[in-house]
């Protein structure tokens, strides 16, 4: 510290032409201000280190919160997509069931028409067979009588 004091005294002597003794109150004030500045610089450095540490902790916390919020958003989106897909599949199943039901009913109606036509043909065939049988009987009867 003596080198700093001597340098300060020489500077005052050179620049201002003042000669200061080692016990001068101006020198004591300069020395106390210098010590105060050094203490303030040390305290400032300590506060800066604490601030940087707090900032690092906050950055980590913010990063974790951002990750958590992103994960929640992703999960909500996936749930919405899953629900939407389920509703879409349910609606598609209903539409397919309605189409199958309609196709089945149309097929049954066609089969009923075909069966009705088949019954008419069967009755006509039966009637034709009865007429043919009667004709054969008549032919046999005519042959037997003659």
C-alpha atoms as a PDB file:
ATOM      1  CA  UNK A   1       0.000   0.000   0.000  1.00  0.00           C
ATOM      2  CA  UNK A   2       2.967   2.343   0.587  1.00  0.00           C
ATOM      3  CA  UNK A   3       3.779   2.343  -3.126  1.00  0.00           C
ATOM      4  CA  UNK A   4       0.248   3.572  -3.879  1.00  0.00           C
ATOM      5  CA  UNK A   5       0.501   6.303  -1.235  1.00  0.00           C
ATOM      6  CA  UNK A   6       3.908   7.430  -2.445  1.00  0.00           C
ATOM      7  CA  UNK A   7       2.693   7.476  -6.048  1.00  0.00           C
ATOM      8  CA  UNK A   8      -0.322   9.599  -5.023  1.00  0.00           C
ATOM      9  CA  UNK A   9       1.898  12.046  -3.093  1.00  0.00           C
ATOM     10  CA  UNK A  10       4.306  12.375  -6.056  1.00  0.00           C
ATOM     11  CA  UNK A  11       1.417  12.922  -8.459  1.00  0.00           C
ATOM     12  CA  UNK A  12      -0.022  15.706  -6.289  1.00  0.00           C
ATOM     13  CA  UNK A  13       3.396  17.275  -6.047  1.00  0.00           C
ATOM     14  CA  UNK A  14       3.974  17.121  -9.811  1.00  0.00           C
ATOM     15  CA  UNK A  15       0.532  18.147 -11.028  1.00  0.00           C
ATOM     16  CA  UNK A  16      -0.536  20.588  -8.344  1.00  0.00           C
ATOM     17  CA  UNK A  17       2.721  21.475  -6.677  1.00  0.00           C
ATOM     18  CA  UNK A  18       1.379  20.309  -3.299  1.00  0.00           C
ATOM     19  CA  UNK A  19       3.636  18.664  -0.813  1.00  0.00           C
ATOM     20  CA  UNK A  20       1.726  16.270   1.475  1.00  0.00           C
ATOM     21  CA  UNK A  21       3.153  14.695   4.602  1.00  0.00           C
ATOM     22  CA  UNK A  22       2.418  11.057   5.442  1.00  0.00           C
ATOM     23  CA  UNK A  23       0.137  12.242   8.318  1.00  0.00           C
ATOM     24  CA  UNK A  24      -1.859  14.725   6.214  1.00  0.00           C
ATOM     25  CA  UNK A  25      -5.699  14.431   6.522  1.00  0.00           C
ATOM     26  CA  UNK A  26      -6.026  14.683   2.724  1.00  0.00           C
ATOM     27  CA  UNK A  27      -3.864  11.583   2.381  1.00  0.00           C
ATOM     28  CA  UNK A  28      -5.933   9.812   5.042  1.00  0.00           C
ATOM     29  CA  UNK A  29      -9.126  10.738   3.191  1.00  0.00           C
ATOM     30  CA  UNK A  30      -7.692   9.516  -0.125  1.00  0.00           C
ATOM     31  CA  UNK A  31      -6.599   6.286   1.526  1.00  0.00           C
ATOM     32  CA  UNK A  32     -10.032   5.741   3.118  1.00  0.00           C
ATOM     33  CA  UNK A  33     -11.743   6.455  -0.231  1.00  0.00           C
ATOM     34  CA  UNK A  34      -9.420   4.026  -1.959  1.00  0.00           C
ATOM     35  CA  UNK A  35     -10.182   1.336   0.642  1.00  0.00           C
ATOM     36  CA  UNK A  36     -13.899   2.082   0.321  1.00  0.00           C
ATOM     37  CA  UNK A  37     -13.655   1.742  -3.462  1.00  0.00           C
ATOM     38  CA  UNK A  38     -11.837  -1.580  -3.081  1.00  0.00           C
ATOM     39  CA  UNK A  39     -14.462  -2.808  -0.603  1.00  0.00           C
ATOM     40  CA  UNK A  40     -17.236  -1.632  -2.924  1.00  0.00           C
ATOM     41  CA  UNK A  41     -15.581  -3.399  -5.852  1.00  0.00           C
ATOM     42  CA  UNK A  42     -15.318  -6.612  -3.812  1.00  0.00           C
ATOM     43  CA  UNK A  43     -18.951  -6.300  -2.672  1.00  0.00           C
ATOM     44  CA  UNK A  44     -20.013  -5.528  -6.227  1.00  0.00           C
ATOM     45  CA  UNK A  45     -18.179  -8.621  -7.446  1.00  0.00           C
ATOM     46  CA  UNK A  46     -19.841 -10.722  -4.729  1.00  0.00           C
ATOM     47  CA  UNK A  47     -23.282  -9.363  -5.650  1.00  0.00           C
ATOM     48  CA  UNK A  48     -22.545  -9.952  -9.318  1.00  0.00           C
ATOM     49  CA  UNK A  49     -21.586 -13.566  -8.584  1.00  0.00           C
ATOM     50  CA  UNK A  50     -24.786 -14.060  -6.558  1.00  0.00           C
ATOM     51  CA  UNK A  51     -26.813 -12.496  -9.350  1.00  0.00           C
ATOM     52  CA  UNK A  52     -25.207 -14.757 -11.947  1.00  0.00           C
ATOM     53  CA  UNK A  53     -25.913 -17.797  -9.755  1.00  0.00           C
ATOM     54  CA  UNK A  54     -29.540 -16.711  -9.260  1.00  0.00           C
ATOM     55  CA  UNK A  55     -29.856 -16.054 -12.968  1.00  0.00           C
ATOM     56  CA  UNK A  56     -28.489 -19.528 -13.699  1.00  0.00           C
ATOM     57  CA  UNK A  57     -30.997 -21.080 -11.271  1.00  0.00           C
ATOM     58  CA  UNK A  58     -33.828 -19.083 -12.814  1.00  0.00           C
ATOM     59  CA  UNK A  59     -32.726 -20.051 -16.295  1.00  0.00           C
ATOM     60  CA  UNK A  60     -32.786 -23.712 -15.281  1.00  0.00           C
ATOM     61  CA  UNK A  61     -36.216 -23.270 -13.685  1.00  0.00           C
ATOM     62  CA  UNK A  62     -37.532 -21.433 -16.759  1.00  0.00           C
ATOM     63  CA  UNK A  63     -36.135 -24.119 -19.011  1.00  0.00           C
ATOM     64  CA  UNK A  64     -37.827 -26.830 -16.955  1.00  0.00           C
ATOM     65  CA  UNK A  65     -41.090 -24.875 -16.952  1.00  0.00           C
ATOM     66  CA  UNK A  66     -40.881 -24.406 -20.713  1.00  0.00           C
ATOM     67  CA  UNK A  67     -40.237 -28.126 -21.179  1.00  0.00           C
ATOM     68  CA  UNK A  68     -43.143 -28.942 -18.876  1.00  0.00           C
ATOM     69  CA  UNK A  69     -45.480 -26.576 -20.710  1.00  0.00           C
ATOM     70  CA  UNK A  70     -44.360 -27.944 -24.068  1.00  0.00           C
ATOM     71  CA  UNK A  71     -44.964 -31.497 -22.832  1.00  0.00           C
ATOM     72  CA  UNK A  72     -48.413 -30.530 -21.516  1.00  0.00           C
ATOM     73  CA  UNK A  73     -49.242 -28.876 -24.828  1.00  0.00           C
ATOM     74  CA  UNK A  74     -48.030 -31.930 -26.736  1.00  0.00           C
ATOM     75  CA  UNK A  75     -50.052 -34.258 -24.496  1.00  0.00           C
ATOM     76  CA  UNK A  76     -53.164 -32.110 -24.925  1.00  0.00           C
ATOM     77  CA  UNK A  77     -52.681 -32.125 -28.691  1.00  0.00           C
ATOM     78  CA  UNK A  78     -52.218 -35.880 -28.716  1.00  0.00           C
ATOM     79  CA  UNK A  79     -55.345 -36.363 -26.570  1.00  0.00           C
ATOM     80  CA  UNK A  80     -57.332 -34.112 -28.905  1.00  0.00           C
ATOM     81  CA  UNK A  81     -56.029 -35.987 -31.947  1.00  0.00           C
ATOM     82  CA  UNK A  82     -56.823 -39.342 -30.324  1.00  0.00           C
ATOM     83  CA  UNK A  83     -60.338 -38.178 -29.394  1.00  0.00           C
ATOM     84  CA  UNK A  84     -60.871 -36.767 -32.874  1.00  0.00           C
ATOM     85  CA  UNK A  85     -59.646 -40.009 -34.441  1.00  0.00           C
ATOM     86  CA  UNK A  86     -61.944 -42.039 -32.187  1.00  0.00           C
ATOM     87  CA  UNK A  87     -64.922 -39.867 -33.145  1.00  0.00           C
ATOM     88  CA  UNK A  88     -63.981 -40.103 -36.811  1.00  0.00           C
ATOM     89  CA  UNK A  89     -63.687 -43.898 -36.603  1.00  0.00           C
ATOM     90  CA  UNK A  90     -67.003 -44.118 -34.769  1.00  0.00           C
ATOM     91  CA  UNK A  91     -68.710 -41.990 -37.423  1.00  0.00           C
ATOM     92  CA  UNK A  92     -67.104 -44.059 -40.194  1.00  0.00           C
ATOM     93  CA  UNK A  93     -68.309 -47.263 -38.508  1.00  0.00           C
ATOM     94  CA  UNK A  94     -71.841 -45.847 -38.308  1.00  0.00           C
ATOM     95  CA  UNK A  95     -71.745 -44.864 -41.967  1.00  0.00           C
ATOM     96  CA  UNK A  96     -70.378 -48.284 -42.981  1.00  0.00           C
ATOM     97  CA  UNK A  97     -73.030 -50.032 -40.889  1.00  0.00           C
ATOM     98  CA  UNK A  98     -75.745 -47.953 -42.557  1.00  0.00           C
ATOM     99  CA  UNK A  99     -74.334 -48.752 -46.009  1.00  0.00           C
ATOM    100  CA  UNK A 100     -74.129 -52.482 -45.191  1.00  0.00           C
ATOM    101  CA  UNK A 101     -77.669 -52.413 -43.772  1.00  0.00           C
ATOM    102  CA  UNK A 102     -78.975 -50.676 -46.893  1.00  0.00           C
ATOM    103  CA  UNK A 103     -77.141 -53.101 -49.196  1.00  0.00           C
ATOM    104  CA  UNK A 104     -78.488 -56.054 -47.175  1.00  0.00           C
ATOM    105  CA  UNK A 105     -82.045 -54.710 -47.336  1.00  0.00           C
ATOM    106  CA  UNK A 106     -81.730 -54.146 -51.090  1.00  0.00           C
ATOM    107  CA  UNK A 107     -80.365 -57.699 -51.493  1.00  0.00           C
ATOM    108  CA  UNK A 108     -83.229 -59.128 -49.421  1.00  0.00           C
ATOM    109  CA  UNK A 109     -85.753 -57.169 -51.518  1.00  0.00           C
ATOM    110  CA  UNK A 110     -84.213 -58.527 -54.742  1.00  0.00           C
ATOM    111  CA  UNK A 111     -84.247 -62.064 -53.330  1.00  0.00           C
ATOM    112  CA  UNK A 112     -87.903 -61.652 -52.346  1.00  0.00           C
ATOM    113  CA  UNK A 113     -88.691 -60.500 -55.896  1.00  0.00           C
ATOM    114  CA  UNK A 114     -86.756 -63.452 -57.316  1.00  0.00           C
ATOM    115  CA  UNK A 115     -88.546 -65.839 -54.938  1.00  0.00           C
ATOM    116  CA  UNK A 116     -91.925 -64.377 -55.910  1.00  0.00           C
ATOM    117  CA  UNK A 117     -91.067 -64.825 -59.591  1.00  0.00           C
ATOM    118  CA  UNK A 118     -89.842 -68.363 -58.825  1.00  0.00           C
ATOM    119  CA  UNK A 119     -93.108 -69.143 -57.026  1.00  0.00           C
ATOM    120  CA  UNK A 120     -95.120 -67.872 -59.976  1.00  0.00           C
ATOM    121  CA  UNK A 121     -93.014 -69.990 -62.326  1.00  0.00           C
ATOM    122  CA  UNK A 122     -93.430 -72.995 -60.017  1.00  0.00           C
ATOM    123  CA  UNK A 123     -97.206 -72.540 -59.965  1.00  0.00           C
ATOM    124  CA  UNK A 124     -97.262 -72.121 -63.711  1.00  0.00           C
ATOM    125  CA  UNK A 125     -95.089 -75.242 -64.073  1.00  0.00           C
ATOM    126  CA  UNK A 126     -97.395 -77.120 -61.746  1.00  0.00           C
ATOM    127  CA  UNK A 127    -100.422 -75.951 -63.721  1.00  0.00           C
ATOM    128  CA  UNK A 128     -98.708 -76.922 -66.989  1.00  0.00           C
ATOM    129  CA  UNK A 129     -97.829 -80.312 -65.470  1.00  0.00           C
ATOM    130  CA  UNK A 130    -101.426 -80.839 -64.369  1.00  0.00           C
ATOM    131  CA  UNK A 131    -102.654 -79.891 -67.858  1.00  0.00           C
ATOM    132  CA  UNK A 132    -100.067 -82.219 -69.425  1.00  0.00           C
ATOM    133  CA  UNK A 133    -101.043 -84.981 -66.995  1.00  0.00           C
ATOM    134  CA  UNK A 134    -104.699 -84.463 -67.826  1.00  0.00           C
ATOM    135  CA  UNK A 135    -103.826 -84.583 -71.530  1.00  0.00           C
ATOM    136  CA  UNK A 136    -101.925 -87.837 -71.030  1.00  0.00           C
ATOM    137  CA  UNK A 137    -104.821 -89.306 -69.070  1.00  0.00           C
ATOM    138  CA  UNK A 138    -107.216 -88.195 -71.792  1.00  0.00           C
ATOM    139  CA  UNK A 139    -104.957 -89.648 -74.455  1.00  0.00           C
ATOM    140  CA  UNK A 140    -104.755 -92.944 -72.591  1.00  0.00           C
ATOM    141  CA  UNK A 141    -108.486 -92.942 -72.016  1.00  0.00           C
ATOM    142  CA  UNK A 142    -109.162 -92.186 -75.690  1.00  0.00           C
ATOM    143  CA  UNK A 143    -106.833 -95.033 -76.673  1.00  0.00           C
ATOM    144  CA  UNK A 144    -108.435 -97.438 -74.313  1.00  0.00           C
ATOM    145  CA  UNK A 145    -111.906 -96.545 -75.453  1.00  0.00           C
ATOM    146  CA  UNK A 146    -111.148 -96.889 -79.134  1.00  0.00           C
END
